[in-house]
Amino acid sequence: SSAGSSTNYADSVKGRFTISRDNAK
């Protein structure tokens, strides 16, 4: 989500991949 408060993953990558964001950058 825009503020980084919510994430969702495909089942195939869940537990292995992590999405994150740095809005300042």
PDB file of all heavy atoms in Angstrom:
ATOM      1  N   SER A   1       0.825  -1.194   0.000  1.00  0.00           N
ATOM      2  CA  SER A   1       0.000   0.000   0.000  1.00  0.00           C
ATOM      3  C   SER A   1       0.866   1.254   0.000  1.00  0.00           C
ATOM      4  O   SER A   1       2.076   1.204   0.214  1.00  0.00           O
ATOM      5  CB  SER A   1      -0.937  -0.002   1.212  1.00  0.00           C
ATOM      6  OG  SER A   1      -0.193  -0.033   2.422  1.00  0.00           O
ATOM      7  N   SER A   2       0.231   2.382  -0.238  1.00  0.00           N
ATOM      8  CA  SER A   2       0.982   3.624  -0.408  1.00  0.00           C
ATOM      9  C   SER A   2       1.827   3.998   0.807  1.00  0.00           C
ATOM     10  O   SER A   2       2.939   4.513   0.659  1.00  0.00           O
ATOM     11  CB  SER A   2       0.028   4.763  -0.764  1.00  0.00           C
ATOM     12  OG  SER A   2      -0.948   4.949   0.247  1.00  0.00           O
ATOM     13  N   ALA A   3       1.310   3.730   1.991  1.00  0.00           N
ATOM     14  CA  ALA A   3       2.043   4.045   3.216  1.00  0.00           C
ATOM     15  C   ALA A   3       2.910   2.889   3.695  1.00  0.00           C
ATOM     16  O   ALA A   3       3.633   3.038   4.687  1.00  0.00           O
ATOM     17  CB  ALA A   3       1.076   4.447   4.320  1.00  0.00           C
ATOM     18  N   GLY A   4       2.828   1.759   3.024  1.00  0.00           N
ATOM     19  CA  GLY A   4       3.603   0.600   3.414  1.00  0.00           C
ATOM     20  C   GLY A   4       3.003  -0.197   4.555  1.00  0.00           C
ATOM     21  O   GLY A   4       3.670  -1.077   5.108  1.00  0.00           O
ATOM     22  N   SER A   5       1.763   0.088   4.900  1.00  0.00           N
ATOM     23  CA  SER A   5       1.136  -0.554   6.042  1.00  0.00           C
ATOM     24  C   SER A   5       0.501  -1.904   5.723  1.00  0.00           C
ATOM     25  O   SER A   5       0.180  -2.666   6.634  1.00  0.00           O
ATOM     26  CB  SER A   5       0.084   0.367   6.647  1.00  0.00           C
ATOM     27  OG  SER A   5      -0.867   0.759   5.672  1.00  0.00           O
ATOM     28  N   SER A   6       0.323  -2.197   4.455  1.00  0.00           N
ATOM     29  CA  SER A   6      -0.314  -3.439   4.049  1.00  0.00           C
ATOM     30  C   SER A   6       0.461  -4.062   2.904  1.00  0.00           C
ATOM     31  O   SER A   6       0.869  -3.363   1.973  1.00  0.00           O
ATOM     32  CB  SER A   6      -1.756  -3.175   3.626  1.00  0.00           C
ATOM     33  OG  SER A   6      -2.397  -4.361   3.208  1.00  0.00           O
ATOM     34  N   THR A   7       0.651  -5.376   2.968  1.00  0.00           N
ATOM     35  CA  THR A   7       1.342  -6.099   1.906  1.00  0.00           C
ATOM     36  C   THR A   7       0.574  -7.360   1.546  1.00  0.00           C
ATOM     37  O   THR A   7      -0.157  -7.919   2.364  1.00  0.00           O
ATOM     38  CB  THR A   7       2.775  -6.485   2.302  1.00  0.00           C
ATOM     39  OG1 THR A   7       2.740  -7.299   3.482  1.00  0.00           O
ATOM     40  CG2 THR A   7       3.617  -5.243   2.569  1.00  0.00           C
ATOM     41  N   ASN A   8       0.752  -7.803   0.313  1.00  0.00           N
ATOM     42  CA  ASN A   8       0.164  -9.044  -0.160  1.00  0.00           C
ATOM     43  C   ASN A   8       1.170  -9.753  -1.049  1.00  0.00           C
ATOM     44  O   ASN A   8       1.951  -9.111  -1.752  1.00  0.00           O
ATOM     45  CB  ASN A   8      -1.119  -8.788  -0.942  1.00  0.00           C
ATOM     46  CG  ASN A   8      -2.247  -8.283  -0.084  1.00  0.00           C
ATOM     47  OD1 ASN A   8      -2.574  -7.109  -0.108  1.00  0.00           O
ATOM     48  ND2 ASN A   8      -2.845  -9.181   0.689  1.00  0.00           N
ATOM     49  N   TYR A   9       1.125 -11.087  -1.033  1.00  0.00           N
ATOM     50  CA  TYR A   9       2.063 -11.892  -1.791  1.00  0.00           C
ATOM     51  C   TYR A   9       1.358 -13.030  -2.499  1.00  0.00           C
ATOM     52  O   TYR A   9       0.364 -13.570  -2.003  1.00  0.00           O
ATOM     53  CB  TYR A   9       3.124 -12.503  -0.876  1.00  0.00           C
ATOM     54  CG  TYR A   9       3.941 -11.484  -0.129  1.00  0.00           C
ATOM     55  CD1 TYR A   9       3.569 -11.059   1.140  1.00  0.00           C
ATOM     56  CD2 TYR A   9       5.090 -10.946  -0.697  1.00  0.00           C
ATOM     57  CE1 TYR A   9       4.321 -10.115   1.822  1.00  0.00           C
ATOM     58  CE2 TYR A   9       5.843 -10.001  -0.023  1.00  0.00           C
ATOM     59  CZ  TYR A   9       5.452  -9.587   1.241  1.00  0.00           C
ATOM     60  OH  TYR A   9       6.196  -8.653   1.914  1.00  0.00           O
ATOM     61  N   ALA A  10       1.885 -13.385  -3.651  1.00  0.00           N
ATOM     62  CA  ALA A  10       1.443 -14.605  -4.293  1.00  0.00           C
ATOM     63  C   ALA A  10       1.816 -15.795  -3.422  1.00  0.00           C
ATOM     64  O   ALA A  10       2.845 -15.789  -2.740  1.00  0.00           O
ATOM     65  CB  ALA A  10       2.089 -14.744  -5.669  1.00  0.00           C
ATOM     66  N   ASP A  11       0.984 -16.824  -3.443  1.00  0.00           N
ATOM     67  CA  ASP A  11       1.264 -18.014  -2.642  1.00  0.00           C
ATOM     68  C   ASP A  11       2.630 -18.617  -2.960  1.00  0.00           C
ATOM     69  O   ASP A  11       3.302 -19.155  -2.074  1.00  0.00           O
ATOM     70  CB  ASP A  11       0.182 -19.065  -2.852  1.00  0.00           C
ATOM     71  CG  ASP A  11      -1.128 -18.701  -2.191  1.00  0.00           C
ATOM     72  OD1 ASP A  11      -1.144 -17.823  -1.305  1.00  0.00           O
ATOM     73  OD2 ASP A  11      -2.150 -19.309  -2.565  1.00  0.00           O
ATOM     74  N   SER A  12       3.042 -18.512  -4.206  1.00  0.00           N
ATOM     75  CA  SER A  12       4.284 -19.125  -4.635  1.00  0.00           C
ATOM     76  C   SER A  12       5.528 -18.477  -4.027  1.00  0.00           C
ATOM     77  O   SER A  12       6.595 -19.094  -4.018  1.00  0.00           O
ATOM     78  CB  SER A  12       4.386 -19.097  -6.163  1.00  0.00           C
ATOM     79  OG  SER A  12       4.328 -17.764  -6.643  1.00  0.00           O
ATOM     80  N   VAL A  13       5.397 -17.259  -3.529  1.00  0.00           N
ATOM     81  CA  VAL A  13       6.558 -16.564  -2.972  1.00  0.00           C
ATOM     82  C   VAL A  13       6.398 -16.236  -1.496  1.00  0.00           C
ATOM     83  O   VAL A  13       7.351 -15.749  -0.867  1.00  0.00           O
ATOM     84  CB  VAL A  13       6.878 -15.269  -3.747  1.00  0.00           C
ATOM     85  CG1 VAL A  13       6.998 -15.555  -5.236  1.00  0.00           C
ATOM     86  CG2 VAL A  13       5.833 -14.189  -3.482  1.00  0.00           C
ATOM     87  N   LYS A  14       5.248 -16.502  -0.948  1.00  0.00           N
ATOM     88  CA  LYS A  14       4.973 -16.177   0.449  1.00  0.00           C
ATOM     89  C   LYS A  14       5.978 -16.852   1.372  1.00  0.00           C
ATOM     90  O   LYS A  14       6.247 -18.044   1.255  1.00  0.00           O
ATOM     91  CB  LYS A  14       3.547 -16.593   0.803  1.00  0.00           C
ATOM     92  CG  LYS A  14       2.999 -15.951   2.059  1.00  0.00           C
ATOM     93  CD  LYS A  14       1.488 -16.207   2.184  1.00  0.00           C
ATOM     94  CE  LYS A  14       0.707 -15.572   1.031  1.00  0.00           C
ATOM     95  NZ  LYS A  14      -0.754 -15.797   1.159  1.00  0.00           N
ATOM     96  N   GLY A  15       6.530 -16.083   2.278  1.00  0.00           N
ATOM     97  CA  GLY A  15       7.536 -16.592   3.191  1.00  0.00           C
ATOM     98  C   GLY A  15       8.947 -16.489   2.677  1.00  0.00           C
ATOM     99  O   GLY A  15       9.898 -16.651   3.451  1.00  0.00           O
ATOM    100  N   ARG A  16       9.102 -16.241   1.384  1.00  0.00           N
ATOM    101  CA  ARG A  16      10.429 -16.123   0.781  1.00  0.00           C
ATOM    102  C   ARG A  16      10.747 -14.707   0.319  1.00  0.00           C
ATOM    103  O   ARG A  16      11.899 -14.278   0.372  1.00  0.00           O
ATOM    104  CB  ARG A  16      10.563 -17.074  -0.411  1.00  0.00           C
ATOM    105  CG  ARG A  16      10.372 -18.542  -0.049  1.00  0.00           C
ATOM    106  CD  ARG A  16      10.708 -19.449  -1.231  1.00  0.00           C
ATOM    107  NE  ARG A  16       9.818 -19.213  -2.374  1.00  0.00           N
ATOM    108  CZ  ARG A  16      10.230 -18.825  -3.578  1.00  0.00           C
ATOM    109  NH1 ARG A  16      11.524 -18.644  -3.824  1.00  0.00           N
ATOM    110  NH2 ARG A  16       9.354 -18.643  -4.560  1.00  0.00           N
ATOM    111  N   PHE A  17       9.730 -13.999  -0.153  1.00  0.00           N
ATOM    112  CA  PHE A  17       9.906 -12.651  -0.674  1.00  0.00           C
ATOM    113  C   PHE A  17       9.314 -11.635   0.288  1.00  0.00           C
ATOM    114  O   PHE A  17       8.309 -11.903   0.962  1.00  0.00           O
ATOM    115  CB  PHE A  17       9.207 -12.486  -2.023  1.00  0.00           C
ATOM    116  CG  PHE A  17       9.826 -13.233  -3.178  1.00  0.00           C
ATOM    117  CD1 PHE A  17      10.804 -14.198  -2.996  1.00  0.00           C
ATOM    118  CD2 PHE A  17       9.411 -12.945  -4.471  1.00  0.00           C
ATOM    119  CE1 PHE A  17      11.359 -14.882  -4.062  1.00  0.00           C
ATOM    120  CE2 PHE A  17       9.955 -13.617  -5.556  1.00  0.00           C
ATOM    121  CZ  PHE A  17      10.932 -14.585  -5.358  1.00  0.00           C
ATOM    122  N   THR A  18       9.909 -10.465   0.316  1.00  0.00           N
ATOM    123  CA  THR A  18       9.402  -9.370   1.130  1.00  0.00           C
ATOM    124  C   THR A  18       9.408  -8.086   0.317  1.00  0.00           C
ATOM    125  O   THR A  18      10.449  -7.685  -0.209  1.00  0.00           O
ATOM    126  CB  THR A  18      10.246  -9.158   2.398  1.00  0.00           C
ATOM    127  OG1 THR A  18      10.287 -10.365   3.163  1.00  0.00           O
ATOM    128  CG2 THR A  18       9.653  -8.049   3.255  1.00  0.00           C
ATOM    129  N   ILE A  19       8.251  -7.462   0.214  1.00  0.00           N
ATOM    130  CA  ILE A  19       8.162  -6.174  -0.447  1.00  0.00           C
ATOM    131  C   ILE A  19       8.219  -5.070   0.604  1.00  0.00           C
ATOM    132  O   ILE A  19       7.669  -5.211   1.698  1.00  0.00           O
ATOM    133  CB  ILE A  19       6.875  -6.062  -1.303  1.00  0.00           C
ATOM    134  CG1 ILE A  19       6.879  -4.787  -2.153  1.00  0.00           C
ATOM    135  CG2 ILE A  19       5.625  -6.146  -0.432  1.00  0.00           C
ATOM    136  CD1 ILE A  19       5.742  -4.727  -3.177  1.00  0.00           C
ATOM    137  N   SER A  20       8.908  -4.009   0.281  1.00  0.00           N
ATOM    138  CA  SER A  20       8.990  -2.869   1.188  1.00  0.00           C
ATOM    139  C   SER A  20       9.144  -1.604   0.363  1.00  0.00           C
ATOM    140  O   SER A  20       9.406  -1.659  -0.842  1.00  0.00           O
ATOM    141  CB  SER A  20      10.158  -3.027   2.172  1.00  0.00           C
ATOM    142  OG  SER A  20      11.396  -3.080   1.483  1.00  0.00           O
ATOM    143  N   ARG A  21       8.973  -0.476   1.006  1.00  0.00           N
ATOM    144  CA  ARG A  21       9.149   0.783   0.297  1.00  0.00           C
ATOM    145  C   ARG A  21       9.744   1.827   1.215  1.00  0.00           C
ATOM    146  O   ARG A  21       9.576   1.780   2.437  1.00  0.00           O
ATOM    147  CB  ARG A  21       7.817   1.272  -0.295  1.00  0.00           C
ATOM    148  CG  ARG A  21       6.773   1.681   0.733  1.00  0.00           C
ATOM    149  CD  ARG A  21       5.409   1.890   0.073  1.00  0.00           C
ATOM    150  NE  ARG A  21       5.429   3.011  -0.854  1.00  0.00           N
ATOM    151  CZ  ARG A  21       4.536   3.193  -1.837  1.00  0.00           C
ATOM    152  NH1 ARG A  21       3.564   2.302  -2.028  1.00  0.00           N
ATOM    153  NH2 ARG A  21       4.633   4.258  -2.629  1.00  0.00           N
ATOM    154  N   ASP A  22      10.429   2.752   0.614  1.00  0.00           N
ATOM    155  CA  ASP A  22      10.991   3.887   1.324  1.00  0.00           C
ATOM    156  C   ASP A  22      10.486   5.124   0.596  1.00  0.00           C
ATOM    157  O   ASP A  22      11.018   5.511  -0.442  1.00  0.00           O
ATOM    158  CB  ASP A  22      12.516   3.832   1.333  1.00  0.00           C
ATOM    159  CG  ASP A  22      13.142   4.906   2.195  1.00  0.00           C
ATOM    160  OD1 ASP A  22      12.483   5.936   2.459  1.00  0.00           O
ATOM    161  OD2 ASP A  22      14.299   4.726   2.610  1.00  0.00           O
ATOM    162  N   ASN A  23       9.440   5.715   1.131  1.00  0.00           N
ATOM    163  CA  ASN A  23       8.828   6.849   0.444  1.00  0.00           C
ATOM    164  C   ASN A  23       9.749   8.069   0.393  1.00  0.00           C
ATOM    165  O   ASN A  23       9.631   8.896  -0.511  1.00  0.00           O
ATOM    166  CB  ASN A  23       7.495   7.205   1.096  1.00  0.00           C
ATOM    167  CG  ASN A  23       6.391   6.235   0.722  1.00  0.00           C
ATOM    168  OD1 ASN A  23       6.564   5.396  -0.165  1.00  0.00           O
ATOM    169  ND2 ASN A  23       5.252   6.331   1.395  1.00  0.00           N
ATOM    170  N   ALA A  24      10.648   8.182   1.350  1.00  0.00           N
ATOM    171  CA  ALA A  24      11.608   9.280   1.328  1.00  0.00           C
ATOM    172  C   ALA A  24      12.585   9.147   0.172  1.00  0.00           C
ATOM    173  O   ALA A  24      13.137  10.142  -0.298  1.00  0.00           O
ATOM    174  CB  ALA A  24      12.362   9.360   2.651  1.00  0.00           C
ATOM    175  N   LYS A  25      12.818   7.922  -0.276  1.00  0.00           N
ATOM    176  CA  LYS A  25      13.720   7.658  -1.392  1.00  0.00           C
ATOM    177  C   LYS A  25      12.989   7.357  -2.689  1.00  0.00           C
ATOM    178  O   LYS A  25      13.631   7.078  -3.704  1.00  0.00           O
ATOM    179  CB  LYS A  25      14.650   6.495  -1.059  1.00  0.00           C
ATOM    180  CG  LYS A  25      15.597   6.768   0.081  1.00  0.00           C
ATOM    181  CD  LYS A  25      16.515   5.587   0.326  1.00  0.00           C
ATOM    182  CE  LYS A  25      17.505   5.888   1.436  1.00  0.00           C
ATOM    183  NZ  LYS A  25      18.410   4.741   1.692  1.00  0.00           N
TER     184      LYS A  25
END
